[in-house]
Each structure stands twice: as C-alpha cells, then as structure tokens.
Amino acid sequence: MQTPSTVQIRTAIEVLKKFGEHLNNHASNMAVELAESHHSGHETGRITAGTIEQTSRIETVAAQLEKWRDELMHERRQCVSHHV
C-alpha cells in the first residue's frame, strides 16, 4: 500500500468534516419536519442519537487521520534534515 500524501490526508479530513456537517443538518431538518407530526418525540430522539453516534465516529476517524498526517509530516521533515 502506498502511503498517501499529507494533502490527500488533509482532503480526507475535510471530506469527513463536511459529511459530519451534512449529517447534523439532515438531522436538524428531520427534527423540524417531525415536529409537525404526532410521532415526533420517539423519532426525533432516535435520529438525534444516531446522528450523535455517527458524528462521534467521524470525529474519531478525523482525529486519527490528523495524527497520521502529523506523523508523516514529522517523518518527512526528519528525512529532509538528514539529506541536507
């Protein structure tokens, strides 16, 4: 497996963050729509819980990618300093 560039990792992080925003926006829109129905309490709670779980996973993966990106940048800086 070829190691991705730091730019590719940064792009993946941004995509994950945008997806998290999308999930939150979708959940908010669903809550507004469900507020108009008589089944809103249970469904809103279920959607909120699912969104929190998904966004937590996204944040965890984004943090792992940020750590990996930082490690790669550190390794590349060490490699460059050894070549100079």
Protein backbone atom coordinates (compact mmCIF):
# COMPACT_ATOMS: atom_id res chain seq x y z
CA MET A 1 0.00 0.00 0.00
CA GLN A 2 1.35 3.39 -0.96
CA THR A 3 1.32 5.98 1.81
CA PRO A 4 -0.96 8.90 0.94
CA SER A 5 0.42 12.40 0.78
CA THR A 6 -0.33 14.86 3.55
CA VAL A 7 -2.51 16.75 1.06
CA GLN A 8 -4.56 13.62 0.41
CA ILE A 9 -4.97 13.05 4.15
CA ARG A 10 -5.98 16.70 4.65
CA THR A 11 -8.57 16.29 1.89
CA ALA A 12 -9.95 13.16 3.56
CA ILE A 13 -10.22 15.05 6.86
CA GLU A 14 -12.12 17.89 5.18
CA VAL A 15 -14.48 15.41 3.49
CA LEU A 16 -15.20 13.74 6.83
CA LYS A 17 -15.87 17.08 8.50
CA LYS A 18 -18.22 18.13 5.68
CA PHE A 19 -20.03 14.80 5.97
CA GLY A 20 -20.45 15.38 9.71
CA GLU A 21 -21.94 18.80 8.96
CA HIS A 22 -24.26 17.19 6.41
CA LEU A 23 -25.46 14.65 8.98
CA ASN A 24 -26.14 17.38 11.54
CA ASN A 25 -28.02 19.49 9.00
CA HIS A 26 -30.06 16.50 7.88
CA ALA A 27 -30.93 15.63 11.50
CA SER A 28 -31.99 19.22 12.16
CA ASN A 29 -34.19 19.27 9.08
CA MET A 30 -35.78 15.96 10.05
CA ALA A 31 -36.45 17.24 13.57
CA VAL A 32 -38.27 20.26 12.13
CA GLU A 33 -40.33 18.06 9.82
CA LEU A 34 -41.15 15.59 12.61
CA ALA A 35 -42.15 18.38 15.00
CA GLU A 36 -45.21 18.78 12.80
CA SER A 37 -46.25 15.14 13.19
CA HIS A 38 -47.65 13.37 16.24
CA HIS A 39 -44.85 10.75 16.24
CA SER A 40 -42.15 13.35 16.71
CA GLY A 41 -40.83 12.52 20.19
CA HIS A 42 -39.64 8.97 19.59
CA GLU A 43 -38.39 9.55 16.05
CA THR A 44 -36.57 12.78 16.91
CA GLY A 45 -34.80 11.04 19.79
CA ARG A 46 -33.80 8.13 17.56
CA ILE A 47 -32.47 10.42 14.83
CA THR A 48 -30.59 12.56 17.34
CA ALA A 49 -28.97 9.53 18.97
CA GLY A 50 -27.97 8.09 15.60
CA THR A 51 -26.52 11.40 14.45
CA ILE A 52 -24.51 11.80 17.65
CA GLU A 53 -23.12 8.29 17.25
CA GLN A 54 -22.20 8.84 13.59
CA THR A 55 -20.61 12.25 14.15
CA SER A 56 -18.61 10.86 17.08
CA ARG A 57 -17.22 8.14 14.83
CA ILE A 58 -16.41 10.71 12.15
CA GLU A 59 -14.60 12.91 14.68
CA THR A 60 -12.61 9.90 15.91
CA VAL A 61 -11.51 8.95 12.39
CA ALA A 62 -10.69 12.58 11.53
CA ALA A 63 -8.53 12.82 14.68
CA GLN A 64 -6.73 9.60 13.73
CA LEU A 65 -6.09 10.96 10.23
CA GLU A 66 -4.79 14.25 11.67
CA LYS A 67 -2.40 12.30 13.90
CA TRP A 68 -1.20 10.23 10.93
CA ARG A 69 -0.75 13.37 8.83
CA ASP A 70 1.30 14.97 11.61
CA GLU A 71 3.46 11.84 11.91
CA LEU A 72 4.08 11.81 8.15
CA MET A 73 4.99 15.50 8.16
CA HIS A 74 7.39 14.91 11.06
CA GLU A 75 8.99 11.93 9.27
CA ARG A 76 9.40 13.93 6.07
CA ARG A 77 10.98 16.84 7.95
CA GLN A 78 13.45 14.43 9.58
CA CYS A 79 14.21 12.88 6.21
CA VAL A 80 14.86 16.30 4.64
CA SER A 81 17.08 17.40 7.54
CA HIS A 82 19.17 14.23 7.20
CA HIS A 83 19.67 14.89 3.48
CA VAL A 84 20.81 18.48 3.99
